[in-house]
Amino acid sequence: MGDHITIYIKSECPFCIKAQQELVKQKINHTTFIMDEEPDLLLEAKEKWGHFTVPIVLSHEKPGEGPARLVGGWTELRELLASEGA
């Protein structure tokens, strides 16, 4: 995993809430974009990353810098954290 996680969420999504809580619990540096009132931007993110559910979890070296890579959603984030022993 990179040094920073970016997640796109919807506030009522249970998997989004779990992802956000886990990042906070494990003190992982992250940025959260709540997309409740940004359906067009959320659709753009879904199309860009080819991930059509929320949360959309991205990993990169520094916030807003360098290429990001798609981690996936909550399940993939949980698996990544488990594999890294976080």
PDB file of N, CA and C in Angstrom:
ATOM      1  N   MET A   1       0.859  -1.166   0.000  1.00  0.00           N
ATOM      2  CA  MET A   1       0.000   0.000   0.000  1.00  0.00           C
ATOM      3  C   MET A   1       0.903   1.225   0.000  1.00  0.00           C
ATOM      4  N   GLY A   2       0.451   2.266  -0.661  1.00  0.00           N
ATOM      5  CA  GLY A   2       1.197   3.517  -0.659  1.00  0.00           C
ATOM      6  C   GLY A   2       1.096   4.208   0.694  1.00  0.00           C
ATOM      7  N   ASP A   3       1.625   5.401   0.749  1.00  0.00           N
ATOM      8  CA  ASP A   3       1.614   6.150   2.001  1.00  0.00           C
ATOM      9  C   ASP A   3       0.286   6.840   2.276  1.00  0.00           C
ATOM     10  N   HIS A   4      -0.587   6.874   1.280  1.00  0.00           N
ATOM     11  CA  HIS A   4      -1.838   7.611   1.428  1.00  0.00           C
ATOM     12  C   HIS A   4      -2.968   6.866   0.735  1.00  0.00           C
ATOM     13  N   ILE A   5      -4.133   6.890   1.358  1.00  0.00           N
ATOM     14  CA  ILE A   5      -5.339   6.282   0.788  1.00  0.00           C
ATOM     15  C   ILE A   5      -6.339   7.391   0.506  1.00  0.00           C
ATOM     16  N   THR A   6      -6.987   7.304  -0.638  1.00  0.00           N
ATOM     17  CA  THR A   6      -8.110   8.176  -0.959  1.00  0.00           C
ATOM     18  C   THR A   6      -9.335   7.294  -1.110  1.00  0.00           C
ATOM     19  N   ILE A   7     -10.436   7.688  -0.478  1.00  0.00           N
ATOM     20  CA  ILE A   7     -11.670   6.923  -0.653  1.00  0.00           C
ATOM     21  C   ILE A   7     -12.808   7.860  -1.050  1.00  0.00           C
ATOM     22  N   TYR A   8     -13.603   7.369  -1.968  1.00  0.00           N
ATOM     23  CA  TYR A   8     -14.831   8.042  -2.389  1.00  0.00           C
ATOM     24  C   TYR A   8     -15.968   7.251  -1.767  1.00  0.00           C
ATOM     25  N   ILE A   9     -16.825   7.945  -1.007  1.00  0.00           N
ATOM     26  CA  ILE A   9     -17.887   7.250  -0.280  1.00  0.00           C
ATOM     27  C   ILE A   9     -19.228   7.965  -0.433  1.00  0.00           C
ATOM     28  N   LYS A  10     -20.268   7.239  -0.018  1.00  0.00           N
ATOM     29  CA  LYS A  10     -21.585   7.832   0.208  1.00  0.00           C
ATOM     30  C   LYS A  10     -21.877   7.626   1.695  1.00  0.00           C
ATOM     31  N   SER A  11     -22.416   8.637   2.332  1.00  0.00           N
ATOM     32  CA  SER A  11     -22.532   8.636   3.796  1.00  0.00           C
ATOM     33  C   SER A  11     -23.456   7.550   4.346  1.00  0.00           C
ATOM     34  N   GLU A  12     -24.394   7.058   3.576  1.00  0.00           N
ATOM     35  CA  GLU A  12     -25.327   6.039   4.062  1.00  0.00           C
ATOM     36  C   GLU A  12     -24.890   4.619   3.695  1.00  0.00           C
ATOM     37  N   CYS A  13     -23.765   4.468   3.026  1.00  0.00           N
ATOM     38  CA  CYS A  13     -23.283   3.157   2.573  1.00  0.00           C
ATOM     39  C   CYS A  13     -22.582   2.431   3.723  1.00  0.00           C
ATOM     40  N   PRO A  14     -23.081   1.258   4.143  1.00  0.00           N
ATOM     41  CA  PRO A  14     -22.463   0.570   5.271  1.00  0.00           C
ATOM     42  C   PRO A  14     -21.008   0.147   5.003  1.00  0.00           C
ATOM     43  N   PHE A  15     -20.694  -0.208   3.768  1.00  0.00           N
ATOM     44  CA  PHE A  15     -19.322  -0.603   3.452  1.00  0.00           C
ATOM     45  C   PHE A  15     -18.392   0.610   3.435  1.00  0.00           C
ATOM     46  N   CYS A  16     -18.921   1.750   3.040  1.00  0.00           N
ATOM     47  CA  CYS A  16     -18.148   2.991   3.080  1.00  0.00           C
ATOM     48  C   CYS A  16     -17.825   3.361   4.524  1.00  0.00           C
ATOM     49  N   ILE A  17     -18.811   3.212   5.381  1.00  0.00           N
ATOM     50  CA  ILE A  17     -18.626   3.534   6.801  1.00  0.00           C
ATOM     51  C   ILE A  17     -17.569   2.605   7.403  1.00  0.00           C
ATOM     52  N   LYS A  18     -17.646   1.315   7.083  1.00  0.00           N
ATOM     53  CA  LYS A  18     -16.654   0.366   7.590  1.00  0.00           C
ATOM     54  C   LYS A  18     -15.251   0.733   7.118  1.00  0.00           C
ATOM     55  N   ALA A  19     -15.115   1.078   5.838  1.00  0.00           N
ATOM     56  CA  ALA A  19     -13.799   1.437   5.292  1.00  0.00           C
ATOM     57  C   ALA A  19     -13.253   2.672   6.003  1.00  0.00           C
ATOM     58  N   GLN A  20     -14.074   3.680   6.146  1.00  0.00           N
ATOM     59  CA  GLN A  20     -13.667   4.922   6.816  1.00  0.00           C
ATOM     60  C   GLN A  20     -13.263   4.640   8.261  1.00  0.00           C
ATOM     61  N   GLN A  21     -14.063   3.874   8.970  1.00  0.00           N
ATOM     62  CA  GLN A  21     -13.764   3.567  10.364  1.00  0.00           C
ATOM     63  C   GLN A  21     -12.463   2.788  10.504  1.00  0.00           C
ATOM     64  N   GLU A  22     -12.221   1.850   9.611  1.00  0.00           N
ATOM     65  CA  GLU A  22     -10.999   1.050   9.698  1.00  0.00           C
ATOM     66  C   GLU A  22      -9.762   1.896   9.449  1.00  0.00           C
ATOM     67  N   LEU A  23      -9.841   2.811   8.488  1.00  0.00           N
ATOM     68  CA  LEU A  23      -8.706   3.696   8.219  1.00  0.00           C
ATOM     69  C   LEU A  23      -8.411   4.577   9.437  1.00  0.00           C
ATOM     70  N   VAL A  24      -9.454   5.071  10.073  1.00  0.00           N
ATOM     71  CA  VAL A  24      -9.280   5.897  11.274  1.00  0.00           C
ATOM     72  C   VAL A  24      -8.721   5.041  12.415  1.00  0.00           C
ATOM     73  N   LYS A  25      -9.299   3.873  12.623  1.00  0.00           N
ATOM     74  CA  LYS A  25      -8.876   2.976  13.705  1.00  0.00           C
ATOM     75  C   LYS A  25      -7.394   2.629  13.590  1.00  0.00           C
ATOM     76  N   GLN A  26      -6.954   2.366  12.352  1.00  0.00           N
ATOM     77  CA  GLN A  26      -5.563   1.961  12.147  1.00  0.00           C
ATOM     78  C   GLN A  26      -4.634   3.145  11.900  1.00  0.00           C
ATOM     79  N   LYS A  27      -5.182   4.347  12.028  1.00  0.00           N
ATOM     80  CA  LYS A  27      -4.408   5.581  11.881  1.00  0.00           C
ATOM     81  C   LYS A  27      -3.670   5.634  10.546  1.00  0.00           C
ATOM     82  N   ILE A  28      -4.392   5.284   9.489  1.00  0.00           N
ATOM     83  CA  ILE A  28      -3.834   5.314   8.140  1.00  0.00           C
ATOM     84  C   ILE A  28      -4.140   6.668   7.523  1.00  0.00           C
ATOM     85  N   ASN A  29      -3.111   7.307   7.006  1.00  0.00           N
ATOM     86  CA  ASN A  29      -3.241   8.612   6.376  1.00  0.00           C
ATOM     87  C   ASN A  29      -4.184   8.487   5.174  1.00  0.00           C
ATOM     88  N   HIS A  30      -5.268   9.257   5.190  1.00  0.00           N
ATOM     89  CA  HIS A  30      -6.244   9.133   4.104  1.00  0.00           C
ATOM     90  C   HIS A  30      -7.018  10.429   3.894  1.00  0.00           C
ATOM     91  N   THR A  31      -7.613  10.507   2.723  1.00  0.00           N
ATOM     92  CA  THR A  31      -8.527  11.588   2.367  1.00  0.00           C
ATOM     93  C   THR A  31      -9.845  10.952   1.971  1.00  0.00           C
ATOM     94  N   THR A  32     -10.928  11.495   2.485  1.00  0.00           N
ATOM     95  CA  THR A  32     -12.256  10.977   2.182  1.00  0.00           C
ATOM     96  C   THR A  32     -13.045  12.017   1.407  1.00  0.00           C
ATOM     97  N   PHE A  33     -13.631  11.581   0.306  1.00  0.00           N
ATOM     98  CA  PHE A  33     -14.528  12.436  -0.469  1.00  0.00           C
ATOM     99  C   PHE A  33     -15.932  11.875  -0.317  1.00  0.00           C
ATOM    100  N   ILE A  34     -16.817  12.650   0.310  1.00  0.00           N
ATOM    101  CA  ILE A  34     -18.213  12.247   0.484  1.00  0.00           C
ATOM    102  C   ILE A  34     -18.969  12.741  -0.745  1.00  0.00           C
ATOM    103  N   MET A  35     -19.509  11.793  -1.502  1.00  0.00           N
ATOM    104  CA  MET A  35     -20.056  12.101  -2.817  1.00  0.00           C
ATOM    105  C   MET A  35     -21.579  12.180  -2.851  1.00  0.00           C
ATOM    106  N   ASP A  36     -22.221  12.316  -1.692  1.00  0.00           N
ATOM    107  CA  ASP A  36     -23.685  12.330  -1.623  1.00  0.00           C
ATOM    108  C   ASP A  36     -24.314  13.358  -2.560  1.00  0.00           C
ATOM    109  N   GLU A  37     -23.727  14.515  -2.638  1.00  0.00           N
ATOM    110  CA  GLU A  37     -24.299  15.592  -3.445  1.00  0.00           C
ATOM    111  C   GLU A  37     -23.502  15.843  -4.717  1.00  0.00           C
ATOM    112  N   GLU A  38     -22.695  14.861  -5.109  1.00  0.00           N
ATOM    113  CA  GLU A  38     -21.854  14.980  -6.304  1.00  0.00           C
ATOM    114  C   GLU A  38     -22.015  13.770  -7.219  1.00  0.00           C
ATOM    115  N   PRO A  39     -23.246  13.465  -7.662  1.00  0.00           N
ATOM    116  CA  PRO A  39     -23.443  12.248  -8.451  1.00  0.00           C
ATOM    117  C   PRO A  39     -22.661  12.240  -9.764  1.00  0.00           C
ATOM    118  N   ASP A  40     -22.508  13.382 -10.397  1.00  0.00           N
ATOM    119  CA  ASP A  40     -21.761  13.425 -11.655  1.00  0.00           C
ATOM    120  C   ASP A  40     -20.279  13.146 -11.428  1.00  0.00           C
ATOM    121  N   LEU A  41     -19.719  13.719 -10.370  1.00  0.00           N
ATOM    122  CA  LEU A  41     -18.312  13.466 -10.056  1.00  0.00           C
ATOM    123  C   LEU A  41     -18.094  12.018  -9.633  1.00  0.00           C
ATOM    124  N   LEU A  42     -19.045  11.452  -8.899  1.00  0.00           N
ATOM    125  CA  LEU A  42     -18.933  10.057  -8.502  1.00  0.00           C
ATOM    126  C   LEU A  42     -18.972   9.159  -9.734  1.00  0.00           C
ATOM    127  N   LEU A  43     -19.859   9.456 -10.662  1.00  0.00           N
ATOM    128  CA  LEU A  43     -19.929   8.674 -11.890  1.00  0.00           C
ATOM    129  C   LEU A  43     -18.613   8.759 -12.663  1.00  0.00           C
ATOM    130  N   GLU A  44     -18.019   9.949 -12.718  1.00  0.00           N
ATOM    131  CA  GLU A  44     -16.717  10.113 -13.384  1.00  0.00           C
ATOM    132  C   GLU A  44     -15.658   9.245 -12.715  1.00  0.00           C
ATOM    133  N   ALA A  45     -15.630   9.239 -11.390  1.00  0.00           N
ATOM    134  CA  ALA A  45     -14.646   8.427 -10.661  1.00  0.00           C
ATOM    135  C   ALA A  45     -14.880   6.943 -10.928  1.00  0.00           C
ATOM    136  N   LYS A  46     -16.133   6.519 -10.920  1.00  0.00           N
ATOM    137  CA  LYS A  46     -16.453   5.117 -11.190  1.00  0.00           C
ATOM    138  C   LYS A  46     -15.967   4.712 -12.570  1.00  0.00           C
ATOM    139  N   GLU A  47     -16.221   5.569 -13.561  1.00  0.00           N
ATOM    140  CA  GLU A  47     -15.809   5.259 -14.927  1.00  0.00           C
ATOM    141  C   GLU A  47     -14.291   5.295 -15.067  1.00  0.00           C
ATOM    142  N   LYS A  48     -13.657   6.282 -14.463  1.00  0.00           N
ATOM    143  CA  LYS A  48     -12.202   6.398 -14.551  1.00  0.00           C
ATOM    144  C   LYS A  48     -11.510   5.158 -13.997  1.00  0.00           C
ATOM    145  N   TRP A  49     -11.968   4.680 -12.847  1.00  0.00           N
ATOM    146  CA  TRP A  49     -11.307   3.570 -12.178  1.00  0.00           C
ATOM    147  C   TRP A  49     -11.898   2.215 -12.521  1.00  0.00           C
ATOM    148  N   GLY A  50     -13.019   2.205 -13.246  1.00  0.00           N
ATOM    149  CA  GLY A  50     -13.632   0.931 -13.608  1.00  0.00           C
ATOM    150  C   GLY A  50     -14.147   0.166 -12.392  1.00  0.00           C
ATOM    151  N   HIS A  51     -14.553   0.917 -11.385  1.00  0.00           N
ATOM    152  CA  HIS A  51     -15.074   0.325 -10.150  1.00  0.00           C
ATOM    153  C   HIS A  51     -16.425   0.978  -9.897  1.00  0.00           C
ATOM    154  N   PHE A  52     -17.495   0.212 -10.032  1.00  0.00           N
ATOM    155  CA  PHE A  52     -18.820   0.828 -10.114  1.00  0.00           C
ATOM    156  C   PHE A  52     -19.641   0.759  -8.839  1.00  0.00           C
ATOM    157  N   THR A  53     -18.983   0.464  -7.730  1.00  0.00           N
ATOM    158  CA  THR A  53     -19.648   0.525  -6.435  1.00  0.00           C
ATOM    159  C   THR A  53     -18.821   1.421  -5.517  1.00  0.00           C
ATOM    160  N   VAL A  54     -19.408   1.795  -4.391  1.00  0.00           N
ATOM    161  CA  VAL A  54     -18.663   2.549  -3.391  1.00  0.00           C
ATOM    162  C   VAL A  54     -18.472   1.651  -2.182  1.00  0.00           C
ATOM    163  N   PRO A  55     -17.405   1.829  -1.454  1.00  0.00           N
ATOM    164  CA  PRO A  55     -16.393   2.858  -1.632  1.00  0.00           C
ATOM    165  C   PRO A  55     -15.461   2.536  -2.796  1.00  0.00           C
ATOM    166  N   ILE A  56     -14.844   3.586  -3.312  1.00  0.00           N
ATOM    167  CA  ILE A  56     -13.750   3.439  -4.256  1.00  0.00           C
ATOM    168  C   ILE A  56     -12.487   3.774  -3.465  1.00  0.00           C
ATOM    169  N   VAL A  57     -11.609   2.810  -3.337  1.00  0.00           N
ATOM    170  CA  VAL A  57     -10.406   2.973  -2.520  1.00  0.00           C
ATOM    171  C   VAL A  57      -9.185   3.023  -3.438  1.00  0.00           C
ATOM    172  N   LEU A  58      -8.405   4.095  -3.290  1.00  0.00           N
ATOM    173  CA  LEU A  58      -7.192   4.290  -4.082  1.00  0.00           C
ATOM    174  C   LEU A  58      -5.991   4.399  -3.157  1.00  0.00           C
ATOM    175  N   SER A  59      -4.859   3.958  -3.642  1.00  0.00           N
ATOM    176  CA  SER A  59      -3.612   4.039  -2.878  1.00  0.00           C
ATOM    177  C   SER A  59      -2.600   4.822  -3.700  1.00  0.00           C
ATOM    178  N   HIS A  60      -1.872   5.727  -3.040  1.00  0.00           N
ATOM    179  CA  HIS A  60      -0.807   6.462  -3.719  1.00  0.00           C
ATOM    180  C   HIS A  60       0.225   6.919  -2.706  1.00  0.00           C
ATOM    181  N   GLU A  61       1.342   7.374  -3.222  1.00  0.00           N
ATOM    182  CA  GLU A  61       2.462   7.709  -2.347  1.00  0.00           C
ATOM    183  C   GLU A  61       2.200   8.943  -1.490  1.00  0.00           C
ATOM    184  N   LYS A  62       1.646  10.001  -2.084  1.00  0.00           N
ATOM    185  CA  LYS A  62       1.349  11.224  -1.342  1.00  0.00           C
ATOM    186  C   LYS A  62       0.004  11.754  -1.820  1.00  0.00           C
ATOM    187  N   PRO A  63      -0.738  12.443  -0.950  1.00  0.00           N
ATOM    188  CA  PRO A  63      -2.054  12.946  -1.352  1.00  0.00           C
ATOM    189  C   PRO A  63      -1.955  13.867  -2.554  1.00  0.00           C
ATOM    190  N   GLY A  64      -2.717  13.543  -3.584  1.00  0.00           N
ATOM    191  CA  GLY A  64      -2.782  14.394  -4.769  1.00  0.00           C
ATOM    192  C   GLY A  64      -1.549  14.351  -5.649  1.00  0.00           C
ATOM    193  N   GLU A  65      -0.587  13.472  -5.346  1.00  0.00           N
ATOM    194  CA  GLU A  65       0.640  13.412  -6.132  1.00  0.00           C
ATOM    195  C   GLU A  65       0.846  12.015  -6.692  1.00  0.00           C
ATOM    196  N   GLY A  66       1.451  11.970  -7.845  1.00  0.00           N
ATOM    197  CA  GLY A  66       1.829  10.694  -8.434  1.00  0.00           C
ATOM    198  C   GLY A  66       0.634   9.853  -8.821  1.00  0.00           C
ATOM    199  N   PRO A  67       0.924   8.776  -9.509  1.00  0.00           N
ATOM    200  CA  PRO A  67      -0.172   7.920  -9.962  1.00  0.00           C
ATOM    201  C   PRO A  67      -0.780   7.139  -8.803  1.00  0.00           C
ATOM    202  N   ALA A  68      -2.076   7.084  -8.798  1.00  0.00           N
ATOM    203  CA  ALA A  68      -2.790   6.278  -7.805  1.00  0.00           C
ATOM    204  C   ALA A  68      -3.078   4.922  -8.436  1.00  0.00           C
ATOM    205  N   ARG A  69      -3.294   3.940  -7.567  1.00  0.00           N
ATOM    206  CA  ARG A  69      -3.722   2.635  -8.077  1.00  0.00           C
ATOM    207  C   ARG A  69      -4.997   2.246  -7.353  1.00  0.00           C
ATOM    208  N   LEU A  70      -5.856   1.587  -8.073  1.00  0.00           N
ATOM    209  CA  LEU A  70      -7.125   1.142  -7.503  1.00  0.00           C
ATOM    210  C   LEU A  70      -6.880  -0.020  -6.558  1.00  0.00           C
ATOM    211  N   VAL A  71      -7.323   0.118  -5.335  1.00  0.00           N
ATOM    212  CA  VAL A  71      -7.324  -0.998  -4.391  1.00  0.00           C
ATOM    213  C   VAL A  71      -8.603  -1.786  -4.619  1.00  0.00           C
ATOM    214  N   GLY A  72      -9.724  -1.090  -4.735  1.00  0.00           N
ATOM    215  CA  GLY A  72     -11.028  -1.720  -4.936  1.00  0.00           C
ATOM    216  C   GLY A  72     -12.034  -1.104  -3.986  1.00  0.00           C
ATOM    217  N   GLY A  73     -12.796  -1.954  -3.334  1.00  0.00           N
ATOM    218  CA  GLY A  73     -13.798  -1.503  -2.378  1.00  0.00           C
ATOM    219  C   GLY A  73     -13.436  -1.951  -0.972  1.00  0.00           C
ATOM    220  N   TRP A  74     -14.444  -2.089  -0.114  1.00  0.00           N
ATOM    221  CA  TRP A  74     -14.226  -2.459   1.276  1.00  0.00           C
ATOM    222  C   TRP A  74     -13.541  -3.819   1.399  1.00  0.00           C
ATOM    223  N   THR A  75     -14.002  -4.795   0.641  1.00  0.00           N
ATOM    224  CA  THR A  75     -13.436  -6.143   0.743  1.00  0.00           C
ATOM    225  C   THR A  75     -11.955  -6.142   0.399  1.00  0.00           C
ATOM    226  N   GLU A  76     -11.594  -5.459  -0.684  1.00  0.00           N
ATOM    227  CA  GLU A  76     -10.195  -5.408  -1.105  1.00  0.00           C
ATOM    228  C   GLU A  76      -9.334  -4.621  -0.114  1.00  0.00           C
ATOM    229  N   LEU A  77      -9.894  -3.554   0.446  1.00  0.00           N
ATOM    230  CA  LEU A  77      -9.170  -2.786   1.456  1.00  0.00           C
ATOM    231  C   LEU A  77      -8.900  -3.651   2.677  1.00  0.00           C
ATOM    232  N   ARG A  78      -9.918  -4.376   3.128  1.00  0.00           N
ATOM    233  CA  ARG A  78      -9.769  -5.244   4.290  1.00  0.00           C
ATOM    234  C   ARG A  78      -8.710  -6.320   4.033  1.00  0.00           C
ATOM    235  N   GLU A  79      -8.727  -6.911   2.834  1.00  0.00           N
ATOM    236  CA  GLU A  79      -7.734  -7.921   2.486  1.00  0.00           C
ATOM    237  C   GLU A  79      -6.332  -7.325   2.432  1.00  0.00           C
ATOM    238  N   LEU A  80      -6.202  -6.134   1.869  1.00  0.00           N
ATOM    239  CA  LEU A  80      -4.900  -5.473   1.797  1.00  0.00           C
ATOM    240  C   LEU A  80      -4.352  -5.189   3.196  1.00  0.00           C
ATOM    241  N   LEU A  81      -5.180  -4.671   4.061  1.00  0.00           N
ATOM    242  CA  LEU A  81      -4.736  -4.369   5.424  1.00  0.00           C
ATOM    243  C   LEU A  81      -4.351  -5.645   6.167  1.00  0.00           C
ATOM    244  N   ALA A  82      -5.099  -6.721   5.964  1.00  0.00           N
ATOM    245  CA  ALA A  82      -4.773  -7.986   6.615  1.00  0.00           C
ATOM    246  C   ALA A  82      -3.453  -8.545   6.094  1.00  0.00           C
ATOM    247  N   SER A  83      -3.219  -8.412   4.797  1.00  0.00           N
ATOM    248  CA  SER A  83      -1.987  -8.964   4.217  1.00  0.00           C
ATOM    249  C   SER A  83      -0.754  -8.183   4.651  1.00  0.00           C
ATOM    250  N   GLU A  84      -0.951  -6.923   5.008  1.00  0.00           N
ATOM    251  CA  GLU A  84       0.168  -6.082   5.452  1.00  0.00           C
ATOM    252  C   GLU A  84       0.304  -6.094   6.972  1.00  0.00           C
ATOM    253  N   GLY A  85      -0.570  -6.832   7.615  1.00  0.00           N
ATOM    254  CA  GLY A  85      -0.498  -6.918   9.069  1.00  0.00           C
ATOM    255  C   GLY A  85      -0.856  -5.629   9.770  1.00  0.00           C
ATOM    256  N   ALA A  86      -1.619  -4.786   9.061  1.00  0.00           N
ATOM    257  CA  ALA A  86      -1.985  -3.477   9.649  1.00  0.00           C
ATOM    258  C   ALA A  86      -3.071  -3.644  10.675  1.00  0.00           C
TER     259      ALA A  86
END
